[in-house]
Amino acid sequence: MKNNIDIISTASLPVECLQQLQQQGINVDVIPFIKTYESVSVANSQRIRSLEKYKATAIFTSAHGVEAVAGSLLHPPAWKFACINGNTKKTVAHYFDEEDIIAEGPDAASLADELLPKIDRDAPVIFFCGNRRLDILPQRFRDAGIKLEEIEVYKTDYTPEKVNDKSVSAVLFFSTSAVDSFFSLNTLNAETICFAIGNTTAAALKEKVQNKIVISDQPGKKELTELVIKYYNEHS
């Protein structure tokens, strides 16, 4: 691998990921382009607690949502779970019983396809989402004629920053919100490579640029880090 490859990460990275990249001669400028935080209204908190006794299906596409709901519950719920792979699944398994996870997928579309045949139509189906949630999963449920209740439990704010990408080889994107925030102030040189954490983020990038997009098969910062290293080892 050639030395002095400079990249930008639009989200924070674990120390071990930064160390892995640095050991490979890849310099990372970490610039978070979004801020995500728990935000559960009193009404939504009460609704979450009222659902504890039901054999509901709880859907999570973000670890932030899992933590917000876990913090709102008073008792262990009688739920089954559907979630995105990677950190979201790990967080579900941390707070709840991993054996109660009945569906998982690398993105919202795949998760919906995996979950829909397993849905109990007589029980509540709850999507714990954020204020910038995409319509992919709710649309799949509408198309299937299954009622989906949405409860907002976290918020994402844009924190855009102007960057100088002239010497940047690549930019790492971890969400569609980060894509929107980044391109609200920035453009990319045609040679800059975009790394996307999954297909949904890649689709958002394709609407913004014609640059090369390299997509991770699994939604995780560790996995995307390994993909970056693999890519530059193969293309040095």
C-alpha atoms as a PDB file:
ATOM      1  CA  MET A   1       0.000   0.000   0.000  1.00  0.00           C
ATOM      2  CA  LYS A   2       1.295   3.448  -0.858  1.00  0.00           C
ATOM      3  CA  ASN A   3       1.949   5.821   2.033  1.00  0.00           C
ATOM      4  CA  ASN A   4       0.129   8.975   3.020  1.00  0.00           C
ATOM      5  CA  ILE A   5      -3.401   8.124   1.953  1.00  0.00           C
ATOM      6  CA  ASP A   6      -5.673  10.794   3.420  1.00  0.00           C
ATOM      7  CA  ILE A   7      -9.351  10.107   4.061  1.00  0.00           C
ATOM      8  CA  ILE A   8     -12.250  11.762   5.869  1.00  0.00           C
ATOM      9  CA  SER A   9     -14.657   9.907   8.143  1.00  0.00           C
ATOM     10  CA  THR A  10     -18.027  11.605   8.536  1.00  0.00           C
ATOM     11  CA  ALA A  11     -18.537   9.877  11.894  1.00  0.00           C
ATOM     12  CA  SER A  12     -16.413   8.994  14.891  1.00  0.00           C
ATOM     13  CA  LEU A  13     -14.466   5.741  14.715  1.00  0.00           C
ATOM     14  CA  PRO A  14     -13.432   3.372  17.512  1.00  0.00           C
ATOM     15  CA  VAL A  15      -9.817   3.711  18.609  1.00  0.00           C
ATOM     16  CA  GLU A  16      -8.978   0.257  17.292  1.00  0.00           C
ATOM     17  CA  CYS A  17     -10.293   1.212  13.839  1.00  0.00           C
ATOM     18  CA  LEU A  18      -8.188   4.370  13.804  1.00  0.00           C
ATOM     19  CA  GLN A  19      -5.145   2.362  14.829  1.00  0.00           C
ATOM     20  CA  GLN A  20      -5.751  -0.221  12.093  1.00  0.00           C
ATOM     21  CA  LEU A  21      -5.959   2.489   9.450  1.00  0.00           C
ATOM     22  CA  GLN A  22      -2.869   4.308  10.727  1.00  0.00           C
ATOM     23  CA  GLN A  23      -0.873   1.081  10.727  1.00  0.00           C
ATOM     24  CA  GLN A  24      -1.686   0.771   7.029  1.00  0.00           C
ATOM     25  CA  GLY A  25      -0.504   4.295   6.259  1.00  0.00           C
ATOM     26  CA  ILE A  26      -3.998   5.739   6.039  1.00  0.00           C
ATOM     27  CA  ASN A  27      -4.471   9.106   7.731  1.00  0.00           C
ATOM     28  CA  VAL A  28      -8.001   9.785   8.973  1.00  0.00           C
ATOM     29  CA  ASP A  29      -9.567  13.167   9.581  1.00  0.00           C
ATOM     30  CA  VAL A  30     -12.660  12.490  11.703  1.00  0.00           C
ATOM     31  CA  ILE A  31     -15.346  15.136  11.174  1.00  0.00           C
ATOM     32  CA  PRO A  32     -18.816  14.162  12.499  1.00  0.00           C
ATOM     33  CA  PHE A  33     -21.446  15.585  10.155  1.00  0.00           C
ATOM     34  CA  ILE A  34     -24.434  14.646  12.295  1.00  0.00           C
ATOM     35  CA  LYS A  35     -25.331  14.570  15.974  1.00  0.00           C
ATOM     36  CA  THR A  36     -27.729  11.861  17.157  1.00  0.00           C
ATOM     37  CA  TYR A  37     -29.266  11.782  20.607  1.00  0.00           C
ATOM     38  CA  GLU A  38     -32.133  10.196  22.533  1.00  0.00           C
ATOM     39  CA  SER A  39     -35.341  12.218  22.518  1.00  0.00           C
ATOM     40  CA  VAL A  40     -38.429  10.544  23.953  1.00  0.00           C
ATOM     41  CA  SER A  41     -41.449  12.728  24.653  1.00  0.00           C
ATOM     42  CA  VAL A  42     -43.580  12.136  27.742  1.00  0.00           C
ATOM     43  CA  ALA A  43     -46.398  10.816  25.558  1.00  0.00           C
ATOM     44  CA  ASN A  44     -44.097   8.426  23.716  1.00  0.00           C
ATOM     45  CA  SER A  45     -42.540   7.232  26.960  1.00  0.00           C
ATOM     46  CA  GLN A  46     -45.993   6.429  28.301  1.00  0.00           C
ATOM     47  CA  ARG A  47     -46.879   4.628  25.073  1.00  0.00           C
ATOM     48  CA  ILE A  48     -43.718   2.513  25.260  1.00  0.00           C
ATOM     49  CA  ARG A  49     -44.559   1.458  28.810  1.00  0.00           C
ATOM     50  CA  SER A  50     -48.132   0.640  27.839  1.00  0.00           C
ATOM     51  CA  LEU A  51     -46.799  -1.789  25.233  1.00  0.00           C
ATOM     52  CA  GLU A  52     -44.698  -3.776  27.720  1.00  0.00           C
ATOM     53  CA  LYS A  53     -47.392  -6.389  28.297  1.00  0.00           C
ATOM     54  CA  TYR A  54     -48.204  -6.973  24.622  1.00  0.00           C
ATOM     55  CA  LYS A  55     -46.544  -9.594  22.454  1.00  0.00           C
ATOM     56  CA  ALA A  56     -45.483  -6.879  20.060  1.00  0.00           C
ATOM     57  CA  THR A  57     -42.812  -6.863  17.396  1.00  0.00           C
ATOM     58  CA  ALA A  58     -40.283  -4.078  17.969  1.00  0.00           C
ATOM     59  CA  ILE A  59     -38.268  -2.852  14.978  1.00  0.00           C
ATOM     60  CA  PHE A  60     -34.952  -1.026  15.336  1.00  0.00           C
ATOM     61  CA  THR A  61     -32.705   0.402  12.630  1.00  0.00           C
ATOM     62  CA  SER A  62     -30.400   2.263  15.025  1.00  0.00           C
ATOM     63  CA  ALA A  63     -28.645   1.484  18.292  1.00  0.00           C
ATOM     64  CA  HIS A  64     -29.738   4.936  19.495  1.00  0.00           C
ATOM     65  CA  GLY A  65     -33.331   3.772  19.249  1.00  0.00           C
ATOM     66  CA  VAL A  66     -32.620   0.627  21.250  1.00  0.00           C
ATOM     67  CA  GLU A  67     -30.973   2.583  24.060  1.00  0.00           C
ATOM     68  CA  ALA A  68     -33.781   5.143  24.165  1.00  0.00           C
ATOM     69  CA  VAL A  69     -36.462   2.470  24.430  1.00  0.00           C
ATOM     70  CA  ALA A  70     -34.538   0.424  26.988  1.00  0.00           C
ATOM     71  CA  GLY A  71     -34.235   3.545  29.128  1.00  0.00           C
ATOM     72  CA  SER A  72     -37.979   4.162  28.948  1.00  0.00           C
ATOM     73  CA  LEU A  73     -39.149   0.699  29.970  1.00  0.00           C
ATOM     74  CA  LEU A  74     -40.148  -0.136  33.532  1.00  0.00           C
ATOM     75  CA  HIS A  75     -40.344  -3.912  33.070  1.00  0.00           C
ATOM     76  CA  PRO A  76     -38.940  -6.473  30.621  1.00  0.00           C
ATOM     77  CA  PRO A  77     -41.315  -6.490  27.636  1.00  0.00           C
ATOM     78  CA  ALA A  78     -42.918  -9.528  26.028  1.00  0.00           C
ATOM     79  CA  TRP A  79     -41.615  -8.531  22.592  1.00  0.00           C
ATOM     80  CA  LYS A  80     -40.001 -10.073  19.584  1.00  0.00           C
ATOM     81  CA  PHE A  81     -37.386  -7.987  17.790  1.00  0.00           C
ATOM     82  CA  ALA A  82     -36.295  -7.123  14.276  1.00  0.00           C
ATOM     83  CA  CYS A  83     -33.146  -5.099  13.740  1.00  0.00           C
ATOM     84  CA  ILE A  84     -30.312  -4.076  11.478  1.00  0.00           C
ATOM     85  CA  ASN A  85     -27.164  -6.212  11.722  1.00  0.00           C
ATOM     86  CA  GLY A  86     -24.018  -4.965  13.400  1.00  0.00           C
ATOM     87  CA  ASN A  87     -24.112  -2.503  16.278  1.00  0.00           C
ATOM     88  CA  THR A  88     -27.915  -2.284  16.349  1.00  0.00           C
ATOM     89  CA  LYS A  89     -28.245  -6.041  16.796  1.00  0.00           C
ATOM     90  CA  LYS A  90     -25.488  -6.047  19.422  1.00  0.00           C
ATOM     91  CA  THR A  91     -27.345  -3.367  21.365  1.00  0.00           C
ATOM     92  CA  VAL A  92     -30.638  -5.288  21.172  1.00  0.00           C
ATOM     93  CA  ALA A  93     -28.858  -8.403  22.445  1.00  0.00           C
ATOM     94  CA  HIS A  94     -27.326  -6.352  25.282  1.00  0.00           C
ATOM     95  CA  TYR A  95     -30.639  -5.055  26.614  1.00  0.00           C
ATOM     96  CA  PHE A  96     -32.954  -7.904  25.643  1.00  0.00           C
ATOM     97  CA  ASP A  97     -32.847 -11.653  24.926  1.00  0.00           C
ATOM     98  CA  GLU A  98     -31.002 -12.350  21.684  1.00  0.00           C
ATOM     99  CA  GLU A  99     -33.206 -15.418  21.174  1.00  0.00           C
ATOM    100  CA  ASP A 100     -36.162 -13.054  20.732  1.00  0.00           C
ATOM    101  CA  ILE A 101     -34.634 -11.531  17.588  1.00  0.00           C
ATOM    102  CA  ILE A 102     -36.770 -12.992  14.789  1.00  0.00           C
ATOM    103  CA  ALA A 103     -35.436 -11.003  11.830  1.00  0.00           C
ATOM    104  CA  GLU A 104     -32.312  -9.074  10.897  1.00  0.00           C
ATOM    105  CA  GLY A 105     -30.802  -7.547   7.789  1.00  0.00           C
ATOM    106  CA  PRO A 106     -28.037  -5.247   6.554  1.00  0.00           C
ATOM    107  CA  ASP A 107     -30.482  -2.479   5.595  1.00  0.00           C
ATOM    108  CA  ALA A 108     -34.119  -1.439   6.003  1.00  0.00           C
ATOM    109  CA  ALA A 109     -35.331  -3.076   2.780  1.00  0.00           C
ATOM    110  CA  SER A 110     -33.695  -6.414   3.577  1.00  0.00           C
ATOM    111  CA  LEU A 111     -34.970  -6.277   7.147  1.00  0.00           C
ATOM    112  CA  ALA A 112     -38.542  -5.683   5.989  1.00  0.00           C
ATOM    113  CA  ASP A 113     -38.350  -8.565   3.507  1.00  0.00           C
ATOM    114  CA  GLU A 114     -37.069 -10.886   6.236  1.00  0.00           C
ATOM    115  CA  LEU A 115     -39.645  -9.772   8.808  1.00  0.00           C
ATOM    116  CA  LEU A 116     -42.897  -9.482   6.863  1.00  0.00           C
ATOM    117  CA  PRO A 117     -43.562 -13.250   6.485  1.00  0.00           C
ATOM    118  CA  LYS A 118     -43.101 -13.676  10.261  1.00  0.00           C
ATOM    119  CA  ILE A 119     -45.410 -10.882  11.438  1.00  0.00           C
ATOM    120  CA  ASP A 120     -48.278 -11.663  13.781  1.00  0.00           C
ATOM    121  CA  ARG A 121     -51.006  -9.460  12.270  1.00  0.00           C
ATOM    122  CA  ASP A 122     -53.009  -9.586  15.507  1.00  0.00           C
ATOM    123  CA  ALA A 123     -50.222  -8.057  17.602  1.00  0.00           C
ATOM    124  CA  PRO A 124     -48.764  -4.523  17.574  1.00  0.00           C
ATOM    125  CA  VAL A 125     -45.840  -3.866  15.242  1.00  0.00           C
ATOM    126  CA  ILE A 126     -43.766  -0.905  16.409  1.00  0.00           C
ATOM    127  CA  PHE A 127     -41.037   0.931  14.510  1.00  0.00           C
ATOM    128  CA  PHE A 128     -38.882   2.867  16.982  1.00  0.00           C
ATOM    129  CA  CYS A 129     -37.381   5.515  14.754  1.00  0.00           C
ATOM    130  CA  GLY A 130     -35.733   8.919  14.572  1.00  0.00           C
ATOM    131  CA  ASN A 131     -36.910  12.249  13.223  1.00  0.00           C
ATOM    132  CA  ARG A 132     -35.098  11.695   9.919  1.00  0.00           C
ATOM    133  CA  ARG A 133     -36.194   8.148   9.301  1.00  0.00           C
ATOM    134  CA  LEU A 134     -36.497   7.033   5.682  1.00  0.00           C
ATOM    135  CA  ASP A 135     -39.759   5.742   4.267  1.00  0.00           C
ATOM    136  CA  ILE A 136     -38.328   2.473   2.961  1.00  0.00           C
ATOM    137  CA  LEU A 137     -39.483   0.218   5.790  1.00  0.00           C
ATOM    138  CA  PRO A 138     -42.885   1.876   6.437  1.00  0.00           C
ATOM    139  CA  GLN A 139     -43.643   1.714   2.702  1.00  0.00           C
ATOM    140  CA  ARG A 140     -42.975  -2.030   2.646  1.00  0.00           C
ATOM    141  CA  PHE A 141     -45.508  -2.457   5.437  1.00  0.00           C
ATOM    142  CA  ARG A 142     -48.084  -0.268   3.688  1.00  0.00           C
ATOM    143  CA  ASP A 143     -47.637  -2.299   0.514  1.00  0.00           C
ATOM    144  CA  ALA A 144     -48.202  -5.488   2.524  1.00  0.00           C
ATOM    145  CA  GLY A 145     -51.325  -4.061   4.192  1.00  0.00           C
ATOM    146  CA  ILE A 146     -49.854  -4.392   7.682  1.00  0.00           C
ATOM    147  CA  LYS A 147     -50.364  -1.646  10.246  1.00  0.00           C
ATOM    148  CA  LEU A 148     -47.113  -0.202  11.527  1.00  0.00           C
ATOM    149  CA  GLU A 149     -46.985   2.150  14.490  1.00  0.00           C
ATOM    150  CA  GLU A 150     -44.089   4.597  14.492  1.00  0.00           C
ATOM    151  CA  ILE A 151     -42.706   5.985  17.747  1.00  0.00           C
ATOM    152  CA  GLU A 152     -39.970   8.617  17.558  1.00  0.00           C
ATOM    153  CA  VAL A 153     -37.334   8.053  20.232  1.00  0.00           C
ATOM    154  CA  TYR A 154     -34.216   9.849  18.950  1.00  0.00           C
ATOM    155  CA  LYS A 155     -33.237  12.836  16.849  1.00  0.00           C
ATOM    156  CA  THR A 156     -30.514  13.517  14.328  1.00  0.00           C
ATOM    157  CA  ASP A 157     -29.229  17.035  13.718  1.00  0.00           C
ATOM    158  CA  TYR A 158     -26.996  18.078  10.840  1.00  0.00           C
ATOM    159  CA  THR A 159     -23.589  19.493  11.832  1.00  0.00           C
ATOM    160  CA  PRO A 160     -22.094  20.350   8.429  1.00  0.00           C
ATOM    161  CA  GLU A 161     -18.571  21.674   8.015  1.00  0.00           C
ATOM    162  CA  LYS A 162     -16.704  22.940   4.984  1.00  0.00           C
ATOM    163  CA  VAL A 163     -13.741  20.695   4.160  1.00  0.00           C
ATOM    164  CA  ASN A 164     -10.852  20.851   1.720  1.00  0.00           C
ATOM    165  CA  ASP A 165     -11.069  17.633  -0.257  1.00  0.00           C
ATOM    166  CA  LYS A 166      -8.378  18.417  -2.846  1.00  0.00           C
ATOM    167  CA  SER A 167      -5.877  16.057  -1.228  1.00  0.00           C
ATOM    168  CA  VAL A 168      -8.445  13.572   0.090  1.00  0.00           C
ATOM    169  CA  SER A 169      -8.482  10.100  -1.435  1.00  0.00           C
ATOM    170  CA  ALA A 170     -11.768   8.970   0.083  1.00  0.00           C
ATOM    171  CA  VAL A 171     -14.694   9.901   2.313  1.00  0.00           C
ATOM    172  CA  LEU A 172     -16.455   7.416   4.610  1.00  0.00           C
ATOM    173  CA  PHE A 173     -20.243   7.719   4.971  1.00  0.00           C
ATOM    174  CA  PHE A 174     -22.263   5.925   7.655  1.00  0.00           C
ATOM    175  CA  SER A 175     -25.817   7.184   7.051  1.00  0.00           C
ATOM    176  CA  THR A 176     -28.039   9.006   4.604  1.00  0.00           C
ATOM    177  CA  SER A 177     -28.219  11.914   7.054  1.00  0.00           C
ATOM    178  CA  ALA A 178     -24.438  12.259   6.957  1.00  0.00           C
ATOM    179  CA  VAL A 179     -24.585  12.257   3.155  1.00  0.00           C
ATOM    180  CA  ASP A 180     -27.127  15.095   3.158  1.00  0.00           C
ATOM    181  CA  SER A 181     -25.185  17.053   5.766  1.00  0.00           C
ATOM    182  CA  PHE A 182     -21.839  16.646   3.973  1.00  0.00           C
ATOM    183  CA  PHE A 183     -23.106  17.744   0.580  1.00  0.00           C
ATOM    184  CA  SER A 184     -25.012  20.682   2.009  1.00  0.00           C
ATOM    185  CA  LEU A 185     -21.639  22.487   2.102  1.00  0.00           C
ATOM    186  CA  ASN A 186     -19.233  20.367   0.080  1.00  0.00           C
ATOM    187  CA  THR A 187     -18.519  18.881  -3.322  1.00  0.00           C
ATOM    188  CA  LEU A 188     -16.087  16.130  -4.260  1.00  0.00           C
ATOM    189  CA  ASN A 189     -13.355  15.859  -6.830  1.00  0.00           C
ATOM    190  CA  ALA A 190     -14.150  13.258  -9.443  1.00  0.00           C
ATOM    191  CA  GLU A 191     -11.264  11.065  -8.226  1.00  0.00           C
ATOM    192  CA  THR A 192     -12.416  10.929  -4.604  1.00  0.00           C
ATOM    193  CA  ILE A 193     -13.795   7.526  -3.591  1.00  0.00           C
ATOM    194  CA  CYS A 194     -16.898   7.228  -1.426  1.00  0.00           C
ATOM    195  CA  PHE A 195     -17.164   4.345   1.027  1.00  0.00           C
ATOM    196  CA  ALA A 196     -20.736   3.571   2.137  1.00  0.00           C
ATOM    197  CA  ILE A 197     -21.785   1.539   5.157  1.00  0.00           C
ATOM    198  CA  GLY A 198     -24.625  -0.099   3.211  1.00  0.00           C
ATOM    199  CA  ASN A 199     -26.931  -0.006   0.199  1.00  0.00           C
ATOM    200  CA  THR A 200     -29.225   2.678   1.613  1.00  0.00           C
ATOM    201  CA  THR A 201     -26.339   5.079   2.195  1.00  0.00           C
ATOM    202  CA  ALA A 202     -24.922   4.195  -1.225  1.00  0.00           C
ATOM    203  CA  ALA A 203     -28.258   5.034  -2.853  1.00  0.00           C
ATOM    204  CA  ALA A 204     -28.200   8.460  -1.176  1.00  0.00           C
ATOM    205  CA  LEU A 205     -24.662   9.018  -2.498  1.00  0.00           C
ATOM    206  CA  LYS A 206     -25.692   8.104  -6.046  1.00  0.00           C
ATOM    207  CA  GLU A 207     -28.193  10.959  -5.930  1.00  0.00           C
ATOM    208  CA  LYS A 208     -25.375  13.407  -5.077  1.00  0.00           C
ATOM    209  CA  VAL A 209     -22.308  12.299  -7.044  1.00  0.00           C
ATOM    210  CA  GLN A 210     -21.035  10.156  -9.881  1.00  0.00           C
ATOM    211  CA  ASN A 211     -17.899   9.187  -7.956  1.00  0.00           C
ATOM    212  CA  LYS A 212     -16.873   5.604  -7.386  1.00  0.00           C
ATOM    213  CA  ILE A 213     -18.811   4.139  -4.443  1.00  0.00           C
ATOM    214  CA  VAL A 214     -17.521   1.127  -2.512  1.00  0.00           C
ATOM    215  CA  ILE A 215     -20.212  -0.526  -0.386  1.00  0.00           C
ATOM    216  CA  SER A 216     -19.783  -2.573   2.780  1.00  0.00           C
ATOM    217  CA  ASP A 217     -21.747  -5.833   2.946  1.00  0.00           C
ATOM    218  CA  GLN A 218     -22.293  -5.453   6.689  1.00  0.00           C
ATOM    219  CA  PRO A 219     -23.364  -2.309   8.584  1.00  0.00           C
ATOM    220  CA  GLY A 220     -20.561  -1.659  11.041  1.00  0.00           C
ATOM    221  CA  LYS A 221     -17.666   0.737  11.527  1.00  0.00           C
ATOM    222  CA  LYS A 222     -15.264  -2.165  11.984  1.00  0.00           C
ATOM    223  CA  GLU A 223     -16.461  -3.740   8.753  1.00  0.00           C
ATOM    224  CA  LEU A 224     -16.157  -0.484   6.814  1.00  0.00           C
ATOM    225  CA  THR A 225     -12.664   0.058   8.211  1.00  0.00           C
ATOM    226  CA  GLU A 226     -11.629  -3.399   7.033  1.00  0.00           C
ATOM    227  CA  LEU A 227     -13.129  -2.681   3.618  1.00  0.00           C
ATOM    228  CA  VAL A 228     -11.091   0.509   3.275  1.00  0.00           C
ATOM    229  CA  ILE A 229      -7.878  -1.351   4.148  1.00  0.00           C
ATOM    230  CA  LYS A 230      -8.707  -4.192   1.765  1.00  0.00           C
ATOM    231  CA  TYR A 231      -9.500  -1.770  -1.036  1.00  0.00           C
ATOM    232  CA  TYR A 232      -6.220   0.125  -0.775  1.00  0.00           C
ATOM    233  CA  ASN A 233      -4.207  -3.070  -0.396  1.00  0.00           C
ATOM    234  CA  GLU A 234      -5.729  -4.304  -3.658  1.00  0.00           C
ATOM    235  CA  HIS A 235      -5.437  -0.984  -5.496  1.00  0.00           C
ATOM    236  CA  SER A 236      -2.036   0.278  -4.355  1.00  0.00           C
END
